[in-house]
């Protein structure tokens, strides 16, 4: 009998922390990232594999600073008269992600 009430109490205590909303928020962020990467013509699994292989190397701080300054700016040109065409220049989702994650930054620098 005590085991049943203990289990019931454990289940009720898990309802105090809003795990559902936390998982939903994290899931939406991940799905958005996956869609951006797919739209750029890349593959998420391939990027993860490359980051594991090439992400171990260190990048010289002066070069890293110069590289980040060069790729930081993005420009979007919309042409509404031609089938809602949009030209985007600058950092794509992979490069933007690399600015915050060292392993991805090392990969992007080596492959650029």
Protein backbone atom coordinates (compact mmCIF):
# COMPACT_ATOMS: atom_id res chain seq x y z
CA UNK A 1 0.00 0.00 0.00
CA UNK A 2 2.73 2.58 0.79
CA UNK A 3 4.30 2.02 -2.63
CA UNK A 4 1.08 3.04 -4.40
CA UNK A 5 0.72 6.26 -2.45
CA UNK A 6 4.40 7.08 -2.95
CA UNK A 7 4.04 6.65 -6.71
CA UNK A 8 0.93 8.81 -6.70
CA UNK A 9 2.75 11.55 -4.77
CA UNK A 10 5.68 11.39 -7.21
CA UNK A 11 3.40 11.81 -10.19
CA UNK A 12 1.63 14.76 -8.57
CA UNK A 13 4.93 16.45 -7.74
CA UNK A 14 6.04 16.27 -11.37
CA UNK A 15 3.05 18.42 -12.26
CA UNK A 16 4.53 21.31 -10.25
CA UNK A 17 7.26 21.89 -12.84
CA UNK A 18 5.84 22.76 -16.30
CA UNK A 19 7.82 20.14 -18.22
CA UNK A 20 5.33 20.18 -21.09
CA UNK A 21 5.87 23.85 -21.89
CA UNK A 22 9.65 23.49 -21.50
CA UNK A 23 9.74 20.59 -23.94
CA UNK A 24 7.46 22.45 -26.38
CA UNK A 25 9.65 25.56 -26.30
CA UNK A 26 12.85 23.58 -26.83
CA UNK A 27 11.22 21.50 -29.56
CA UNK A 28 10.04 24.55 -31.51
CA UNK A 29 13.54 26.05 -31.40
CA UNK A 30 15.07 22.83 -32.67
CA UNK A 31 12.50 22.45 -35.44
CA UNK A 32 13.07 26.06 -36.54
CA UNK A 33 16.85 25.45 -36.65
CA UNK A 34 16.38 22.23 -38.64
CA UNK A 35 14.11 23.99 -41.15
CA UNK A 36 16.60 26.84 -41.61
CA UNK A 37 19.45 24.40 -42.18
CA UNK A 38 17.40 22.37 -44.65
CA UNK A 39 16.28 25.51 -46.50
CA UNK A 40 19.92 26.54 -46.88
CA UNK A 41 20.59 23.30 -48.76
CA UNK A 42 22.54 21.60 -46.00
CA UNK A 43 21.92 18.56 -43.84
CA UNK A 44 21.81 18.67 -40.03
CA UNK A 45 23.37 15.21 -39.53
CA UNK A 46 26.23 15.99 -41.91
CA UNK A 47 26.92 19.23 -40.06
CA UNK A 48 26.97 17.44 -36.72
CA UNK A 49 29.44 14.87 -38.09
CA UNK A 50 31.69 17.57 -39.55
CA UNK A 51 31.59 19.55 -36.30
CA UNK A 52 32.70 16.42 -34.42
CA UNK A 53 35.62 15.90 -36.80
CA UNK A 54 36.71 19.48 -37.55
CA UNK A 55 35.49 21.18 -34.41
CA UNK A 56 38.43 20.07 -32.29
CA UNK A 57 40.86 22.50 -33.90
CA UNK A 58 41.53 25.89 -32.35
CA UNK A 59 41.26 29.10 -34.33
CA UNK A 60 43.71 31.96 -33.78
CA UNK A 61 41.92 34.73 -31.82
CA UNK A 62 42.88 37.55 -34.24
CA UNK A 63 41.62 35.56 -37.24
CA UNK A 64 38.45 34.60 -35.34
CA UNK A 65 37.71 38.25 -34.57
CA UNK A 66 38.28 39.32 -38.18
CA UNK A 67 36.18 36.46 -39.54
CA UNK A 68 33.28 37.18 -37.16
CA UNK A 69 33.32 40.86 -38.12
CA UNK A 70 33.26 40.00 -41.83
CA UNK A 71 30.33 37.56 -41.66
CA UNK A 72 28.24 39.26 -38.98
CA UNK A 73 26.19 41.45 -41.32
CA UNK A 74 23.32 40.10 -43.40
CA UNK A 75 21.40 41.95 -46.11
CA UNK A 76 17.94 41.02 -47.35
CA UNK A 77 16.61 42.39 -50.65
CA UNK A 78 12.92 41.80 -51.38
CA UNK A 79 11.56 42.01 -54.91
CA UNK A 80 7.78 41.90 -54.46
CA UNK A 81 6.98 42.53 -58.11
CA UNK A 82 8.69 39.29 -59.18
CA UNK A 83 6.77 36.49 -57.45
CA UNK A 84 7.76 37.65 -53.97
CA UNK A 85 11.41 36.86 -54.57
CA UNK A 86 13.86 37.45 -51.70
CA UNK A 87 17.65 37.63 -52.00
CA UNK A 88 19.56 37.14 -48.78
CA UNK A 89 23.24 37.95 -48.59
CA UNK A 90 25.57 37.31 -45.72
CA UNK A 91 25.58 34.76 -42.96
CA UNK A 92 23.21 31.83 -43.32
CA UNK A 93 21.92 29.63 -40.51
CA UNK A 94 25.11 27.57 -40.31
CA UNK A 95 27.39 30.59 -40.01
CA UNK A 96 25.06 32.30 -37.52
CA UNK A 97 25.08 29.16 -35.39
CA UNK A 98 28.88 29.00 -35.59
CA UNK A 99 29.21 32.47 -34.08
CA UNK A 100 27.96 31.07 -30.76
CA UNK A 101 29.36 27.52 -30.80
CA UNK A 102 33.15 26.99 -30.92
CA UNK A 103 33.06 23.56 -32.60
CA UNK A 104 30.86 24.87 -35.41
CA UNK A 105 33.00 28.00 -35.72
CA UNK A 106 36.12 25.89 -36.20
CA UNK A 107 34.32 23.81 -38.83
CA UNK A 108 33.03 26.86 -40.74
CA UNK A 109 36.44 28.55 -40.72
CA UNK A 110 38.16 25.46 -42.07
CA UNK A 111 35.59 24.86 -44.79
CA UNK A 112 35.31 28.50 -45.89
